[in-house]
Amino acid sequence: MPYNIYLGTYLKTILKSHLYTPDWLTSYERDIAGEIILSKEPGDVLREYRTRYGMSQEELGELMELRRESISRLENGSVTPTFGFMKSFISAVALIEAIRVERAQNKEINVHLLENIARESGFSIEKLPFLLKLAVESYDKKLNKIRKSLKVK
């Protein structure tokens, strides 16, 4: 069965209400899943999200428990992503976005809330510290780039 049918099933599961996951984050997950399902080149979508959040293939591989070469094959389309990979990938990207949003609002990051959101999405709690590090570093890097560009003008 094609993975887009599995992703459709996943999309239905994330439509269920969550106790901790904010509605905007559930909507973001749906958008990502939809982008992947509708794309003729899902590997390009994976690459776009990976680079948007400043992750190397090695870092995404570590997060997903895959080798860098496997991430490369997924991105270049020589391998089709599995349902499990896509579910974990979407959860990871959504958690990164949640961390970045909290950071952008100058809030202290609520790790307890993130743990609960991760549990609801089925994301491994053990990977949360690494994900938190990736999210904060990528946000800070982007913020510094914006600040530098504003000083130049």
C-alpha atoms as a PDB file:
ATOM      1  CA  MET A   1       0.000   0.000   0.000  1.00  0.00           C
ATOM      2  CA  PRO A   2       1.446   3.441  -0.878  1.00  0.00           C
ATOM      3  CA  TYR A   3       2.761   5.553   1.971  1.00  0.00           C
ATOM      4  CA  ASN A   4       0.332   8.376   1.170  1.00  0.00           C
ATOM      5  CA  ILE A   5      -2.523   6.095   2.289  1.00  0.00           C
ATOM      6  CA  TYR A   6      -0.661   5.508   5.547  1.00  0.00           C
ATOM      7  CA  LEU A   7      -0.088   9.235   5.902  1.00  0.00           C
ATOM      8  CA  GLY A   8      -3.805   9.759   5.329  1.00  0.00           C
ATOM      9  CA  THR A   9      -4.425   7.443   8.269  1.00  0.00           C
ATOM     10  CA  TYR A  10      -1.890   9.409  10.308  1.00  0.00           C
ATOM     11  CA  LEU A  11      -3.618  12.625   9.331  1.00  0.00           C
ATOM     12  CA  LYS A  12      -6.860  11.257  10.772  1.00  0.00           C
ATOM     13  CA  THR A  13      -5.122  10.349  14.032  1.00  0.00           C
ATOM     14  CA  ILE A  14      -3.728  13.849  14.513  1.00  0.00           C
ATOM     15  CA  LEU A  15      -7.157  15.315  13.932  1.00  0.00           C
ATOM     16  CA  LYS A  16      -8.200  13.858  17.274  1.00  0.00           C
ATOM     17  CA  SER A  17      -8.066  16.416  20.047  1.00  0.00           C
ATOM     18  CA  HIS A  18      -5.089  16.409  22.363  1.00  0.00           C
ATOM     19  CA  LEU A  19      -4.932  17.523  25.934  1.00  0.00           C
ATOM     20  CA  TYR A  20      -1.578  19.342  25.671  1.00  0.00           C
ATOM     21  CA  THR A  21      -0.990  19.901  21.972  1.00  0.00           C
ATOM     22  CA  PRO A  22      -2.200  23.369  20.916  1.00  0.00           C
ATOM     23  CA  ASP A  23      -4.589  23.557  17.966  1.00  0.00           C
ATOM     24  CA  TRP A  24      -2.108  25.565  15.888  1.00  0.00           C
ATOM     25  CA  LEU A  25       0.477  22.793  16.273  1.00  0.00           C
ATOM     26  CA  THR A  26      -2.004  20.097  15.226  1.00  0.00           C
ATOM     27  CA  SER A  27      -2.843  22.240  12.209  1.00  0.00           C
ATOM     28  CA  TYR A  28       0.875  22.582  11.435  1.00  0.00           C
ATOM     29  CA  GLU A  29       1.274  18.790  11.551  1.00  0.00           C
ATOM     30  CA  ARG A  30      -1.658  18.410   9.160  1.00  0.00           C
ATOM     31  CA  ASP A  31      -0.096  20.938   6.801  1.00  0.00           C
ATOM     32  CA  ILE A  32       3.202  19.050   6.761  1.00  0.00           C
ATOM     33  CA  ALA A  33       1.465  15.719   6.179  1.00  0.00           C
ATOM     34  CA  GLY A  34      -0.600  17.250   3.393  1.00  0.00           C
ATOM     35  CA  GLU A  35       2.465  18.747   1.764  1.00  0.00           C
ATOM     36  CA  ILE A  36       4.176  15.379   1.742  1.00  0.00           C
ATOM     37  CA  ILE A  37       1.110  13.473   0.519  1.00  0.00           C
ATOM     38  CA  LEU A  38       0.451  15.898  -2.315  1.00  0.00           C
ATOM     39  CA  SER A  39       4.057  16.220  -3.406  1.00  0.00           C
ATOM     40  CA  LYS A  40       5.304  14.336  -6.433  1.00  0.00           C
ATOM     41  CA  GLU A  41       8.741  14.512  -4.803  1.00  0.00           C
ATOM     42  CA  PRO A  42       8.310  13.869  -1.049  1.00  0.00           C
ATOM     43  CA  GLY A  43      12.095  13.809  -0.621  1.00  0.00           C
ATOM     44  CA  ASP A  44      12.228  17.454  -1.664  1.00  0.00           C
ATOM     45  CA  VAL A  45       9.698  18.290   1.061  1.00  0.00           C
ATOM     46  CA  LEU A  46      11.798  16.427   3.639  1.00  0.00           C
ATOM     47  CA  ARG A  47      14.909  18.328   2.542  1.00  0.00           C
ATOM     48  CA  GLU A  48      13.041  21.639   2.664  1.00  0.00           C
ATOM     49  CA  TYR A  49      11.947  21.104   6.283  1.00  0.00           C
ATOM     50  CA  ARG A  50      15.359  19.777   7.313  1.00  0.00           C
ATOM     51  CA  THR A  51      17.130  22.824   5.916  1.00  0.00           C
ATOM     52  CA  ARG A  52      14.440  25.227   7.158  1.00  0.00           C
ATOM     53  CA  TYR A  53      15.311  24.145  10.674  1.00  0.00           C
ATOM     54  CA  GLY A  54      19.054  24.187  10.075  1.00  0.00           C
ATOM     55  CA  MET A  55      19.612  20.463  10.455  1.00  0.00           C
ATOM     56  CA  SER A  56      22.312  18.549   8.682  1.00  0.00           C
ATOM     57  CA  GLN A  57      21.577  15.110   7.274  1.00  0.00           C
ATOM     58  CA  GLU A  58      23.682  13.700  10.116  1.00  0.00           C
ATOM     59  CA  GLU A  59      21.590  15.477  12.740  1.00  0.00           C
ATOM     60  CA  LEU A  60      18.305  14.382  11.183  1.00  0.00           C
ATOM     61  CA  GLY A  61      19.711  10.876  10.929  1.00  0.00           C
ATOM     62  CA  GLU A  62      20.605  10.890  14.618  1.00  0.00           C
ATOM     63  CA  LEU A  63      17.160  12.181  15.503  1.00  0.00           C
ATOM     64  CA  MET A  64      15.447   9.533  13.348  1.00  0.00           C
ATOM     65  CA  GLU A  65      17.948   6.770  14.266  1.00  0.00           C
ATOM     66  CA  LEU A  66      19.134   6.439  10.673  1.00  0.00           C
ATOM     67  CA  ARG A  67      22.472   6.882   8.962  1.00  0.00           C
ATOM     68  CA  ARG A  68      23.171  10.036   6.983  1.00  0.00           C
ATOM     69  CA  GLU A  69      23.187   7.967   3.800  1.00  0.00           C
ATOM     70  CA  SER A  70      19.610   6.830   4.486  1.00  0.00           C
ATOM     71  CA  ILE A  71      18.476  10.435   4.881  1.00  0.00           C
ATOM     72  CA  SER A  72      20.220  11.266   1.605  1.00  0.00           C
ATOM     73  CA  ARG A  73      18.434   8.411  -0.190  1.00  0.00           C
ATOM     74  CA  LEU A  74      15.078   9.572   1.216  1.00  0.00           C
ATOM     75  CA  GLU A  75      15.704  13.143   0.102  1.00  0.00           C
ATOM     76  CA  ASN A  76      16.848  12.241  -3.399  1.00  0.00           C
ATOM     77  CA  GLY A  77      13.859   9.942  -3.909  1.00  0.00           C
ATOM     78  CA  SER A  78      15.699   6.665  -4.319  1.00  0.00           C
ATOM     79  CA  VAL A  79      13.923   5.307  -1.203  1.00  0.00           C
ATOM     80  CA  THR A  80      10.299   5.827  -0.224  1.00  0.00           C
ATOM     81  CA  PRO A  81       9.781   6.971   3.376  1.00  0.00           C
ATOM     82  CA  THR A  82       7.927   4.526   5.615  1.00  0.00           C
ATOM     83  CA  PHE A  83       4.845   5.440   7.603  1.00  0.00           C
ATOM     84  CA  GLY A  84       6.838   5.210  10.843  1.00  0.00           C
ATOM     85  CA  PHE A  85       9.508   7.529   9.515  1.00  0.00           C
ATOM     86  CA  MET A  86       6.941  10.065   8.329  1.00  0.00           C
ATOM     87  CA  LYS A  87       5.068  10.002  11.628  1.00  0.00           C
ATOM     88  CA  SER A  88       8.289  10.570  13.581  1.00  0.00           C
ATOM     89  CA  PHE A  89       9.504  13.201  11.127  1.00  0.00           C
ATOM     90  CA  ILE A  90       6.261  15.192  11.315  1.00  0.00           C
ATOM     91  CA  SER A  91       6.244  14.993  15.117  1.00  0.00           C
ATOM     92  CA  ALA A  92       9.876  16.125  15.304  1.00  0.00           C
ATOM     93  CA  VAL A  93       9.348  19.061  12.948  1.00  0.00           C
ATOM     94  CA  ALA A  94       6.216  20.134  14.831  1.00  0.00           C
ATOM     95  CA  LEU A  95       8.060  20.001  18.167  1.00  0.00           C
ATOM     96  CA  ILE A  96      10.911  22.065  16.711  1.00  0.00           C
ATOM     97  CA  GLU A  97       8.384  24.640  15.534  1.00  0.00           C
ATOM     98  CA  ALA A  98       6.749  24.718  18.994  1.00  0.00           C
ATOM     99  CA  ILE A  99      10.132  25.336  20.622  1.00  0.00           C
ATOM    100  CA  ARG A 100      10.973  28.084  18.149  1.00  0.00           C
ATOM    101  CA  VAL A 101       7.611  29.781  18.675  1.00  0.00           C
ATOM    102  CA  GLU A 102       8.124  29.810  22.445  1.00  0.00           C
ATOM    103  CA  ARG A 103      11.629  31.184  21.923  1.00  0.00           C
ATOM    104  CA  ALA A 104      10.314  33.878  19.559  1.00  0.00           C
ATOM    105  CA  GLN A 105       7.791  34.964  22.169  1.00  0.00           C
ATOM    106  CA  ASN A 106      10.639  35.345  24.684  1.00  0.00           C
ATOM    107  CA  LYS A 107       9.103  32.687  26.854  1.00  0.00           C
ATOM    108  CA  GLU A 108      11.026  30.276  28.992  1.00  0.00           C
ATOM    109  CA  ILE A 109      10.739  26.921  27.260  1.00  0.00           C
ATOM    110  CA  ASN A 110       8.285  24.736  29.143  1.00  0.00           C
ATOM    111  CA  VAL A 111      10.007  21.358  28.997  1.00  0.00           C
ATOM    112  CA  HIS A 112       7.167  19.648  30.888  1.00  0.00           C
ATOM    113  CA  LEU A 113       4.683  20.809  28.241  1.00  0.00           C
ATOM    114  CA  LEU A 114       7.010  19.670  25.443  1.00  0.00           C
ATOM    115  CA  GLU A 115       7.308  16.242  27.073  1.00  0.00           C
ATOM    116  CA  ASN A 116       3.530  15.945  27.162  1.00  0.00           C
ATOM    117  CA  ILE A 117       3.179  17.077  23.546  1.00  0.00           C
ATOM    118  CA  ALA A 118       5.874  14.550  22.579  1.00  0.00           C
ATOM    119  CA  ARG A 119       4.002  11.778  24.401  1.00  0.00           C
ATOM    120  CA  GLU A 120       0.763  12.687  22.638  1.00  0.00           C
ATOM    121  CA  SER A 121       2.452  12.556  19.247  1.00  0.00           C
ATOM    122  CA  GLY A 122       4.353   9.364  20.014  1.00  0.00           C
ATOM    123  CA  PHE A 123       7.741  11.094  19.817  1.00  0.00           C
ATOM    124  CA  SER A 124      10.502   9.575  21.951  1.00  0.00           C
ATOM    125  CA  ILE A 125      11.022  11.519  25.186  1.00  0.00           C
ATOM    126  CA  GLU A 126      14.654  10.357  25.191  1.00  0.00           C
ATOM    127  CA  LYS A 127      15.278  12.337  21.987  1.00  0.00           C
ATOM    128  CA  LEU A 128      13.752  15.535  23.370  1.00  0.00           C
ATOM    129  CA  PRO A 129      17.013  17.045  24.759  1.00  0.00           C
ATOM    130  CA  PHE A 130      18.716  16.641  21.363  1.00  0.00           C
ATOM    131  CA  LEU A 131      15.659  18.067  19.594  1.00  0.00           C
ATOM    132  CA  LEU A 132      15.578  20.995  22.008  1.00  0.00           C
ATOM    133  CA  LYS A 133      19.247  21.721  21.305  1.00  0.00           C
ATOM    134  CA  LEU A 134      18.669  21.621  17.530  1.00  0.00           C
ATOM    135  CA  ALA A 135      15.615  23.885  17.756  1.00  0.00           C
ATOM    136  CA  VAL A 136      17.242  26.506  19.991  1.00  0.00           C
ATOM    137  CA  GLU A 137      20.467  26.576  17.968  1.00  0.00           C
ATOM    138  CA  SER A 138      18.629  26.947  14.665  1.00  0.00           C
ATOM    139  CA  TYR A 139      16.378  29.680  16.035  1.00  0.00           C
ATOM    140  CA  ASP A 140      19.297  31.612  17.533  1.00  0.00           C
ATOM    141  CA  LYS A 141      21.284  31.287  14.309  1.00  0.00           C
ATOM    142  CA  LYS A 142      18.388  32.628  12.258  1.00  0.00           C
ATOM    143  CA  LEU A 143      17.792  35.473  14.728  1.00  0.00           C
ATOM    144  CA  ASN A 144      21.470  36.486  14.598  1.00  0.00           C
ATOM    145  CA  LYS A 145      21.371  36.435  10.801  1.00  0.00           C
ATOM    146  CA  ILE A 146      18.338  38.739  10.833  1.00  0.00           C
ATOM    147  CA  ARG A 147      19.994  41.077  13.346  1.00  0.00           C
ATOM    148  CA  LYS A 148      23.152  41.288  11.219  1.00  0.00           C
ATOM    149  CA  SER A 149      21.162  42.048   8.094  1.00  0.00           C
ATOM    150  CA  LEU A 150      19.348  44.873   9.888  1.00  0.00           C
ATOM    151  CA  LYS A 151      22.628  46.413  11.106  1.00  0.00           C
ATOM    152  CA  VAL A 152      24.043  46.469   7.600  1.00  0.00           C
ATOM    153  CA  LYS A 153      21.315  48.764   6.306  1.00  0.00           C
END
